Protein backbone atom coordinates (compact mmCIF):
# COMPACT_ATOMS: atom_id res chain seq x y z
CA MET A 1 24.29 -37.26 -50.48
CA LYS A 2 23.95 -35.39 -53.77
CA MET A 3 26.94 -33.26 -54.79
CA PRO A 4 26.27 -29.58 -55.52
CA THR A 5 26.01 -28.62 -59.17
CA SER A 6 27.49 -25.45 -60.64
CA VAL A 7 26.86 -23.83 -63.99
CA ILE A 8 29.20 -21.72 -66.10
CA VAL A 9 27.53 -19.13 -68.34
CA THR A 10 29.44 -17.29 -71.06
CA LEU A 11 27.80 -14.07 -72.26
CA ARG A 12 28.64 -11.65 -75.03
CA ILE A 13 27.31 -8.21 -74.16
CA CYS A 14 27.48 -5.58 -76.88
CA VAL A 15 26.01 -2.15 -76.26
CA GLU A 16 26.41 1.27 -77.86
CA ILE A 17 28.06 3.76 -75.51
CA ASP A 18 28.26 7.54 -75.37
CA ASP A 19 31.34 9.77 -75.18
CA GLU A 20 30.55 11.02 -71.67
CA TYR A 21 32.57 8.21 -70.07
CA LEU A 22 35.56 6.16 -71.18
CA ALA A 23 34.86 2.77 -72.74
CA SER A 24 36.75 1.16 -69.85
CA ASP A 25 34.34 2.81 -67.39
CA HIS A 26 31.38 1.28 -69.24
CA ILE A 27 33.08 -2.12 -69.19
CA GLU A 28 33.75 -1.91 -65.44
CA ASN A 29 30.13 -0.87 -64.87
CA ILE A 30 28.80 -3.90 -66.77
CA VAL A 31 30.95 -6.24 -64.64
CA GLU A 32 29.91 -4.48 -61.41
CA VAL A 33 26.22 -4.84 -62.32
CA ALA A 34 26.70 -8.58 -62.91
CA GLN A 35 28.49 -8.90 -59.56
CA ARG A 36 25.70 -7.05 -57.73
CA THR A 37 23.03 -9.08 -59.53
CA PHE A 38 24.66 -12.40 -58.57
CA PRO A 39 26.47 -11.68 -55.28
CA VAL A 40 27.14 -15.34 -54.45
CA ALA A 41 28.54 -16.08 -57.92
CA ASN A 42 32.15 -15.88 -59.04
CA VAL A 43 31.82 -13.23 -61.76
CA GLU A 44 35.02 -12.62 -63.71
CA MET A 45 35.69 -10.76 -66.92
CA LEU A 46 37.54 -12.95 -69.41
CA GLY A 47 38.22 -10.13 -71.86
CA SER A 48 36.81 -7.06 -73.53
CA ASP A 49 36.94 -5.35 -76.91
CA ILE A 50 35.87 -2.00 -78.25
CA ALA A 51 33.83 -2.54 -81.42
CA GLY A 52 33.08 -0.14 -84.22
CA GLY A 53 29.66 0.55 -85.70
CA THR A 54 26.29 -0.14 -84.15
CA GLU A 55 25.40 -2.82 -81.63
CA ARG A 56 24.01 -4.91 -84.51
CA ASP A 57 27.49 -4.97 -86.06
CA CYS A 58 29.36 -5.59 -82.80
CA GLU A 59 32.46 -7.04 -84.43
CA PRO A 60 35.70 -6.47 -82.48
CA VAL A 61 37.97 -3.83 -83.97
């Protein structure tokens, strides 16, 4: 019998945000969308940063 195979995917998502919501709200929303998109997956946030500049720059502050 073949053993099940799992994959681990590490993503870096960098997106410009507005001032209407807190940065932490945007972060939580991104994680929630990933969890809804992959309901059978174990989705966990390993960390987050707030970066300065545009999404092209996306270097942690």
